[in-house]
PDB file of N, CA and C in Angstrom:
ATOM      1  N   MET A   1      -0.509 -55.778  86.369  1.00  0.00           N
ATOM      2  CA  MET A   1      -1.668 -56.779  86.058  1.00  0.00           C
ATOM      3  C   MET A   1      -1.178 -58.302  86.632  1.00  0.00           C
ATOM      4  N   LYS A   2      -2.199 -58.975  87.002  1.00  0.00           N
ATOM      5  CA  LYS A   2      -1.906 -60.302  87.793  1.00  0.00           C
ATOM      6  C   LYS A   2      -2.697 -61.166  86.753  1.00  0.00           C
ATOM      7  N   ARG A   3      -1.820 -62.381  86.367  1.00  0.00           N
ATOM      8  CA  ARG A   3      -2.278 -63.374  85.540  1.00  0.00           C
ATOM      9  C   ARG A   3      -3.119 -64.387  86.305  1.00  0.00           C
ATOM     10  N   ILE A   4      -4.383 -64.682  85.774  1.00  0.00           N
ATOM     11  CA  ILE A   4      -5.253 -65.554  86.552  1.00  0.00           C
ATOM     12  C   ILE A   4      -5.680 -66.722  85.383  1.00  0.00           C
ATOM     13  N   GLY A   5      -5.317 -66.642  84.222  1.00  0.00           N
ATOM     14  CA  GLY A   5      -5.854 -67.562  83.223  1.00  0.00           C
ATOM     15  C   GLY A   5      -5.282 -68.775  83.215  1.00  0.00           C
ATOM     16  N   THR A   6      -5.645 -69.690  82.330  1.00  0.00           N
ATOM     17  CA  THR A   6      -5.058 -71.008  82.154  1.00  0.00           C
ATOM     18  C   THR A   6      -3.985 -71.096  81.252  1.00  0.00           C
ATOM     19  N   LYS A   7      -3.293 -72.045  80.940  1.00  0.00           N
ATOM     20  CA  LYS A   7      -2.273 -72.200  79.910  1.00  0.00           C
ATOM     21  C   LYS A   7      -3.216 -72.017  78.563  1.00  0.00           C
ATOM     22  N   ASN A   8      -2.404 -71.145  77.698  1.00  0.00           N
ATOM     23  CA  ASN A   8      -2.987 -70.752  76.254  1.00  0.00           C
ATOM     24  C   ASN A   8      -4.106 -70.017  76.407  1.00  0.00           C
ATOM     25  N   THR A   9      -4.891 -69.414  77.467  1.00  0.00           N
ATOM     26  CA  THR A   9      -5.940 -68.735  77.604  1.00  0.00           C
ATOM     27  C   THR A   9      -5.755 -67.669  78.716  1.00  0.00           C
ATOM     28  N   PRO A  10      -4.778 -66.491  78.312  1.00  0.00           N
ATOM     29  CA  PRO A  10      -4.571 -65.686  79.341  1.00  0.00           C
ATOM     30  C   PRO A  10      -5.644 -64.813  79.763  1.00  0.00           C
ATOM     31  N   VAL A  11      -5.866 -64.631  81.040  1.00  0.00           N
ATOM     32  CA  VAL A  11      -6.756 -63.610  81.716  1.00  0.00           C
ATOM     33  C   VAL A  11      -6.055 -62.874  82.678  1.00  0.00           C
ATOM     34  N   PHE A  12      -6.139 -61.489  82.685  1.00  0.00           N
ATOM     35  CA  PHE A  12      -5.464 -60.704  83.910  1.00  0.00           C
ATOM     36  C   PHE A  12      -6.381 -59.930  84.695  1.00  0.00           C
ATOM     37  N   ARG A  13      -6.136 -59.761  85.820  1.00  0.00           N
ATOM     38  CA  ARG A  13      -6.788 -58.799  86.768  1.00  0.00           C
ATOM     39  C   ARG A  13      -5.773 -57.525  86.844  1.00  0.00           C
ATOM     40  N   ILE A  14      -6.608 -56.483  86.575  1.00  0.00           N
ATOM     41  CA  ILE A  14      -5.908 -55.260  86.782  1.00  0.00           C
ATOM     42  C   ILE A  14      -5.739 -54.735  88.155  1.00  0.00           C
ATOM     43  N   VAL A  15      -4.537 -54.800  88.838  1.00  0.00           N
ATOM     44  CA  VAL A  15      -4.564 -54.545  90.382  1.00  0.00           C
ATOM     45  C   VAL A  15      -3.719 -53.434  90.656  1.00  0.00           C
ATOM     46  N   VAL A  16      -3.892 -52.753  91.832  1.00  0.00           N
ATOM     47  CA  VAL A  16      -2.931 -51.784  92.437  1.00  0.00           C
ATOM     48  C   VAL A  16      -2.036 -52.641  93.256  1.00  0.00           C
ATOM     49  N   ALA A  17      -0.731 -52.521  93.143  1.00  0.00           N
ATOM     50  CA  ALA A  17       0.301 -53.375  94.016  1.00  0.00           C
ATOM     51  C   ALA A  17       1.533 -52.477  94.033  1.00  0.00           C
ATOM     52  N   ASP A  18       2.291 -52.776  95.062  1.00  0.00           N
ATOM     53  CA  ASP A  18       3.346 -52.375  95.378  1.00  0.00           C
ATOM     54  C   ASP A  18       4.522 -52.627  94.498  1.00  0.00           C
ATOM     55  N   SER A  19       5.343 -51.875  94.022  1.00  0.00           N
ATOM     56  CA  SER A  19       6.246 -52.427  92.925  1.00  0.00           C
ATOM     57  C   SER A  19       7.253 -53.335  93.430  1.00  0.00           C
ATOM     58  N   ARG A  20       7.362 -53.656  94.794  1.00  0.00           N
ATOM     59  CA  ARG A  20       8.238 -54.590  95.074  1.00  0.00           C
ATOM     60  C   ARG A  20       7.683 -55.840  95.185  1.00  0.00           C
ATOM     61  N   SER A  21       6.311 -56.072  95.150  1.00  0.00           N
ATOM     62  CA  SER A  21       5.656 -57.399  95.329  1.00  0.00           C
ATOM     63  C   SER A  21       5.800 -58.015  93.940  1.00  0.00           C
ATOM     64  N   PRO A  22       5.657 -59.518  93.968  1.00  0.00           N
ATOM     65  CA  PRO A  22       5.679 -60.046  92.721  1.00  0.00           C
ATOM     66  C   PRO A  22       4.492 -59.887  92.032  1.00  0.00           C
ATOM     67  N   ARG A  23       4.602 -60.278  90.617  1.00  0.00           N
ATOM     68  CA  ARG A  23       3.670 -60.088  89.611  1.00  0.00           C
ATOM     69  C   ARG A  23       2.210 -60.662  90.066  1.00  0.00           C
ATOM     70  N   ASP A  24       2.209 -61.902  90.549  1.00  0.00           N
ATOM     71  CA  ASP A  24       1.183 -62.619  90.903  1.00  0.00           C
ATOM     72  C   ASP A  24       0.802 -62.599  92.264  1.00  0.00           C
ATOM     73  N   GLY A  25       1.576 -61.869  93.270  1.00  0.00           N
ATOM     74  CA  GLY A  25       1.613 -61.892  94.512  1.00  0.00           C
ATOM     75  C   GLY A  25       0.600 -60.956  95.215  1.00  0.00           C
ATOM     76  N   LYS A  26       0.721 -60.385  96.340  1.00  0.00           N
ATOM     77  CA  LYS A  26      -0.273 -59.640  97.093  1.00  0.00           C
ATOM     78  C   LYS A  26      -0.468 -58.337  96.338  1.00  0.00           C
ATOM     79  N   CYS A  27      -1.670 -58.074  96.325  1.00  0.00           N
ATOM     80  CA  CYS A  27      -2.206 -56.675  95.889  1.00  0.00           C
ATOM     81  C   CYS A  27      -2.956 -55.777  96.645  1.00  0.00           C
ATOM     82  N   ILE A  28      -2.899 -54.488  96.619  1.00  0.00           N
ATOM     83  CA  ILE A  28      -3.679 -53.849  97.284  1.00  0.00           C
ATOM     84  C   ILE A  28      -5.265 -53.538  96.923  1.00  0.00           C
ATOM     85  N   GLU A  29      -5.430 -53.605  95.766  1.00  0.00           N
ATOM     86  CA  GLU A  29      -6.920 -53.591  95.167  1.00  0.00           C
ATOM     87  C   GLU A  29      -7.084 -53.978  94.080  1.00  0.00           C
ATOM     88  N   GLU A  30      -7.970 -54.805  93.501  1.00  0.00           N
ATOM     89  CA  GLU A  30      -8.280 -55.252  92.095  1.00  0.00           C
ATOM     90  C   GLU A  30      -9.455 -54.192  91.530  1.00  0.00           C
ATOM     91  N   ILE A  31      -8.997 -53.519  90.469  1.00  0.00           N
ATOM     92  CA  ILE A  31      -9.726 -52.528  89.827  1.00  0.00           C
ATOM     93  C   ILE A  31     -10.148 -52.917  88.283  1.00  0.00           C
ATOM     94  N   GLY A  32     -10.020 -54.136  88.071  1.00  0.00           N
ATOM     95  CA  GLY A  32     -10.646 -54.549  86.669  1.00  0.00           C
ATOM     96  C   GLY A  32      -9.971 -55.710  86.083  1.00  0.00           C
ATOM     97  N   THR A  33     -10.291 -56.104  85.070  1.00  0.00           N
ATOM     98  CA  THR A  33     -10.171 -57.292  84.379  1.00  0.00           C
ATOM     99  C   THR A  33      -9.693 -57.142  82.849  1.00  0.00           C
ATOM    100  N   TYR A  34      -8.925 -58.016  82.227  1.00  0.00           N
ATOM    101  CA  TYR A  34      -8.553 -57.792  80.910  1.00  0.00           C
ATOM    102  C   TYR A  34      -8.307 -59.226  80.419  1.00  0.00           C
ATOM    103  N   GLN A  35      -9.043 -59.455  78.949  1.00  0.00           N
ATOM    104  CA  GLN A  35      -9.133 -60.743  78.352  1.00  0.00           C
ATOM    105  C   GLN A  35      -8.563 -60.348  77.097  1.00  0.00           C
ATOM    106  N   PRO A  36      -7.246 -60.569  76.783  1.00  0.00           N
ATOM    107  CA  PRO A  36      -6.578 -60.378  75.419  1.00  0.00           C
ATOM    108  C   PRO A  36      -7.226 -61.113  74.300  1.00  0.00           C
ATOM    109  N   LEU A  37      -7.616 -62.322  74.470  1.00  0.00           N
ATOM    110  CA  LEU A  37      -7.992 -63.064  73.200  1.00  0.00           C
ATOM    111  C   LEU A  37      -9.366 -62.820  72.881  1.00  0.00           C
ATOM    112  N   LYS A  38     -10.195 -62.080  73.681  1.00  0.00           N
ATOM    113  CA  LYS A  38     -11.738 -61.577  73.530  1.00  0.00           C
ATOM    114  C   LYS A  38     -11.504 -60.490  72.466  1.00  0.00           C
ATOM    115  N   PRO A  39     -12.434 -60.868  71.255  1.00  0.00           N
ATOM    116  CA  PRO A  39     -12.572 -59.578  70.420  1.00  0.00           C
ATOM    117  C   PRO A  39     -13.472 -58.601  71.064  1.00  0.00           C
ATOM    118  N   GLY A  40     -13.144 -57.378  70.525  1.00  0.00           N
ATOM    119  CA  GLY A  40     -14.196 -56.056  70.777  1.00  0.00           C
ATOM    120  C   GLY A  40     -13.740 -55.679  72.299  1.00  0.00           C
ATOM    121  N   GLU A  41     -14.794 -55.527  73.177  1.00  0.00           N
ATOM    122  CA  GLU A  41     -14.676 -54.707  74.382  1.00  0.00           C
ATOM    123  C   GLU A  41     -13.922 -55.920  75.344  1.00  0.00           C
ATOM    124  N   ASN A  42     -12.646 -55.968  75.543  1.00  0.00           N
ATOM    125  CA  ASN A  42     -11.957 -57.020  76.080  1.00  0.00           C
ATOM    126  C   ASN A  42     -11.441 -56.674  77.706  1.00  0.00           C
ATOM    127  N   PHE A  43     -11.896 -55.311  78.173  1.00  0.00           N
ATOM    128  CA  PHE A  43     -11.496 -55.096  79.517  1.00  0.00           C
ATOM    129  C   PHE A  43     -12.480 -54.347  80.156  1.00  0.00           C
ATOM    130  N   THR A  44     -12.541 -54.549  81.647  1.00  0.00           N
ATOM    131  CA  THR A  44     -13.460 -53.724  82.483  1.00  0.00           C
ATOM    132  C   THR A  44     -12.403 -53.010  83.468  1.00  0.00           C
ATOM    133  N   LEU A  45     -13.030 -51.873  83.957  1.00  0.00           N
ATOM    134  CA  LEU A  45     -12.125 -51.000  84.589  1.00  0.00           C
ATOM    135  C   LEU A  45     -12.778 -50.160  85.584  1.00  0.00           C
ATOM    136  N   LYS A  46     -12.497 -50.074  86.803  1.00  0.00           N
ATOM    137  CA  LYS A  46     -13.209 -49.261  87.727  1.00  0.00           C
ATOM    138  C   LYS A  46     -12.640 -47.830  87.581  1.00  0.00           C
ATOM    139  N   LEU A  47     -13.172 -47.067  86.601  1.00  0.00           N
ATOM    140  CA  LEU A  47     -12.298 -45.672  86.295  1.00  0.00           C
ATOM    141  C   LEU A  47     -12.131 -44.767  87.595  1.00  0.00           C
ATOM    142  N   ASP A  48     -13.152 -44.829  88.400  1.00  0.00           N
ATOM    143  CA  ASP A  48     -13.113 -43.749  89.501  1.00  0.00           C
ATOM    144  C   ASP A  48     -11.913 -44.355  90.636  1.00  0.00           C
ATOM    145  N   ARG A  49     -11.811 -45.662  90.617  1.00  0.00           N
ATOM    146  CA  ARG A  49     -10.813 -46.217  91.627  1.00  0.00           C
ATOM    147  C   ARG A  49      -9.228 -45.982  91.007  1.00  0.00           C
ATOM    148  N   ALA A  50      -9.288 -46.197  89.581  1.00  0.00           N
ATOM    149  CA  ALA A  50      -8.097 -45.903  88.902  1.00  0.00           C
ATOM    150  C   ALA A  50      -7.497 -44.611  88.824  1.00  0.00           C
ATOM    151  N   GLN A  51      -8.676 -43.684  88.700  1.00  0.00           N
ATOM    152  CA  GLN A  51      -8.137 -42.298  88.702  1.00  0.00           C
ATOM    153  C   GLN A  51      -7.640 -41.767  90.124  1.00  0.00           C
ATOM    154  N   TYR A  52      -8.384 -42.541  91.311  1.00  0.00           N
ATOM    155  CA  TYR A  52      -8.016 -42.205  92.600  1.00  0.00           C
ATOM    156  C   TYR A  52      -6.524 -42.657  92.753  1.00  0.00           C
ATOM    157  N   TRP A  53      -6.130 -43.981  92.401  1.00  0.00           N
ATOM    158  CA  TRP A  53      -4.990 -44.333  92.688  1.00  0.00           C
ATOM    159  C   TRP A  53      -3.675 -43.616  91.987  1.00  0.00           C
ATOM    160  N   VAL A  54      -4.107 -43.195  90.674  1.00  0.00           N
ATOM    161  CA  VAL A  54      -3.094 -42.265  89.939  1.00  0.00           C
ATOM    162  C   VAL A  54      -2.930 -41.036  90.734  1.00  0.00           C
ATOM    163  N   SER A  55      -3.882 -40.313  91.274  1.00  0.00           N
ATOM    164  CA  SER A  55      -3.968 -39.147  91.799  1.00  0.00           C
ATOM    165  C   SER A  55      -2.905 -39.268  93.222  1.00  0.00           C
ATOM    166  N   LYS A  56      -3.081 -40.348  93.784  1.00  0.00           N
ATOM    167  CA  LYS A  56      -2.138 -40.716  94.929  1.00  0.00           C
ATOM    168  C   LYS A  56      -0.719 -40.960  94.409  1.00  0.00           C
ATOM    169  N   GLY A  57      -0.465 -41.148  93.211  1.00  0.00           N
ATOM    170  CA  GLY A  57       1.156 -41.385  92.813  1.00  0.00           C
ATOM    171  C   GLY A  57       1.224 -42.620  92.317  1.00  0.00           C
ATOM    172  N   ALA A  58       0.249 -43.644  92.148  1.00  0.00           N
ATOM    173  CA  ALA A  58       0.273 -44.886  91.430  1.00  0.00           C
ATOM    174  C   ALA A  58       0.656 -44.605  90.041  1.00  0.00           C
ATOM    175  N   GLN A  59       1.669 -45.344  89.342  1.00  0.00           N
ATOM    176  CA  GLN A  59       2.160 -45.214  87.953  1.00  0.00           C
ATOM    177  C   GLN A  59       1.771 -46.482  87.265  1.00  0.00           C
ATOM    178  N   PRO A  60       0.654 -46.211  86.512  1.00  0.00           N
ATOM    179  CA  PRO A  60       0.231 -47.498  85.767  1.00  0.00           C
ATOM    180  C   PRO A  60       1.067 -47.934  84.580  1.00  0.00           C
ATOM    181  N   SER A  61       1.010 -49.258  84.323  1.00  0.00           N
ATOM    182  CA  SER A  61       1.872 -49.727  83.147  1.00  0.00           C
ATOM    183  C   SER A  61       1.310 -49.270  81.909  1.00  0.00           C
ATOM    184  N   ASP A  62       2.089 -49.275  80.815  1.00  0.00           N
ATOM    185  CA  ASP A  62       1.717 -48.749  79.464  1.00  0.00           C
ATOM    186  C   ASP A  62       0.326 -49.293  79.149  1.00  0.00           C
ATOM    187  N   THR A  63      -0.013 -50.603  79.312  1.00  0.00           N
ATOM    188  CA  THR A  63      -1.397 -51.083  78.967  1.00  0.00           C
ATOM    189  C   THR A  63      -2.419 -50.874  79.846  1.00  0.00           C
ATOM    190  N   VAL A  64      -2.142 -50.595  81.100  1.00  0.00           N
ATOM    191  CA  VAL A  64      -3.213 -50.085  82.003  1.00  0.00           C
ATOM    192  C   VAL A  64      -3.503 -48.645  81.691  1.00  0.00           C
ATOM    193  N   ALA A  65      -2.418 -47.778  81.360  1.00  0.00           N
ATOM    194  CA  ALA A  65      -2.412 -46.475  80.949  1.00  0.00           C
ATOM    195  C   ALA A  65      -3.549 -46.255  79.780  1.00  0.00           C
ATOM    196  N   SER A  66      -3.373 -47.111  78.720  1.00  0.00           N
ATOM    197  CA  SER A  66      -4.165 -47.376  77.566  1.00  0.00           C
ATOM    198  C   SER A  66      -5.593 -47.446  77.806  1.00  0.00           C
ATOM    199  N   PHE A  67      -5.854 -48.388  78.725  1.00  0.00           N
ATOM    200  CA  PHE A  67      -7.206 -48.832  79.022  1.00  0.00           C
ATOM    201  C   PHE A  67      -7.789 -47.546  79.799  1.00  0.00           C
ATOM    202  N   ILE A  68      -7.219 -46.915  80.681  1.00  0.00           N
ATOM    203  CA  ILE A  68      -7.714 -45.667  81.502  1.00  0.00           C
ATOM    204  C   ILE A  68      -7.867 -44.470  80.418  1.00  0.00           C
ATOM    205  N   LYS A  69      -7.038 -44.458  79.403  1.00  0.00           N
ATOM    206  CA  LYS A  69      -7.564 -43.282  78.323  1.00  0.00           C
ATOM    207  C   LYS A  69      -8.627 -43.787  77.397  1.00  0.00           C
ATOM    208  N   LYS A  70      -8.815 -44.964  77.182  1.00  0.00           N
ATOM    209  CA  LYS A  70      -9.869 -45.359  76.560  1.00  0.00           C
ATOM    210  C   LYS A  70     -11.247 -45.274  77.413  1.00  0.00           C
ATOM    211  N   ALA A  71     -11.095 -45.692  78.604  1.00  0.00           N
ATOM    212  CA  ALA A  71     -12.456 -45.536  79.371  1.00  0.00           C
ATOM    213  C   ALA A  71     -12.858 -44.135  79.661  1.00  0.00           C
ATOM    214  N   THR A  72     -11.900 -43.269  79.760  1.00  0.00           N
ATOM    215  CA  THR A  72     -12.263 -41.736  79.927  1.00  0.00           C
ATOM    216  C   THR A  72     -12.770 -41.105  78.658  1.00  0.00           C
ATOM    217  N   LYS A  73     -12.492 -41.795  77.435  1.00  0.00           N
ATOM    218  CA  LYS A  73     -13.036 -41.172  76.327  1.00  0.00           C
ATOM    219  C   LYS A  73     -14.486 -41.890  76.183  1.00  0.00           C
ATOM    220  N   ALA A  74     -14.732 -43.111  76.738  1.00  0.00           N
ATOM    221  CA  ALA A  74     -16.010 -43.820  76.602  1.00  0.00           C
ATOM    222  C   ALA A  74     -17.096 -43.183  77.560  1.00  0.00           C
ATOM    223  N   VAL A  75     -16.760 -42.570  78.586  1.00  0.00           N
ATOM    224  CA  VAL A  75     -17.664 -42.091  79.760  1.00  0.00           C
ATOM    225  C   VAL A  75     -18.169 -40.765  78.990  1.00  0.00           C
ATOM    226  N   PRO A  76     -17.836 -39.866  78.501  1.00  0.00           N
ATOM    227  CA  PRO A  76     -18.489 -38.635  78.127  1.00  0.00           C
ATOM    228  C   PRO A  76     -19.425 -38.921  77.122  1.00  0.00           C
ATOM    229  N   ALA A  77     -19.185 -39.976  76.150  1.00  0.00           N
ATOM    230  CA  ALA A  77     -20.034 -40.234  75.092  1.00  0.00           C
ATOM    231  C   ALA A  77     -21.340 -40.951  75.605  1.00  0.00           C
ATOM    232  N   ALA A  78     -21.023 -41.659  76.619  1.00  0.00           N
ATOM    233  CA  ALA A  78     -22.193 -42.418  77.308  1.00  0.00           C
ATOM    234  C   ALA A  78     -23.156 -41.531  78.049  1.00  0.00           C
ATOM    235  N   ALA A  79     -22.445 -40.508  78.696  1.00  0.00           N
ATOM    236  CA  ALA A  79     -23.437 -39.624  79.589  1.00  0.00           C
ATOM    237  C   ALA A  79     -24.105 -38.548  78.586  1.00  0.00           C
ATOM    238  N   ALA A  80     -23.794 -38.338  77.185  1.00  0.00           N
ATOM    239  CA  ALA A  80     -24.425 -37.518  76.495  1.00  0.00           C
ATOM    240  C   ALA A  80     -25.751 -38.083  75.809  1.00  0.00           C
ATOM    241  N   VAL A  81     -25.818 -39.430  75.878  1.00  0.00           N
ATOM    242  CA  VAL A  81     -27.034 -40.207  75.348  1.00  0.00           C
ATOM    243  C   VAL A  81     -27.973 -39.988  76.188  1.00  0.00           C
TER     244      VAL A  81
END
């Protein structure tokens, strides 16, 4: 996750990056956002791209892994409606 928010207002971009690059440095692809101070639905995620990168061997952080898990649970419920 790459921090882009201002002081006392954190906002993060969920990115695919090489583990050797700095946290806010060069990234391969941006796949979502996370606003920790926003109540309710506080993240967006391109689930298809996240699953693609995980299938290629990317290792998500604990936080991003929880977002992927939440997003996969939300997709089947929306498809049933």
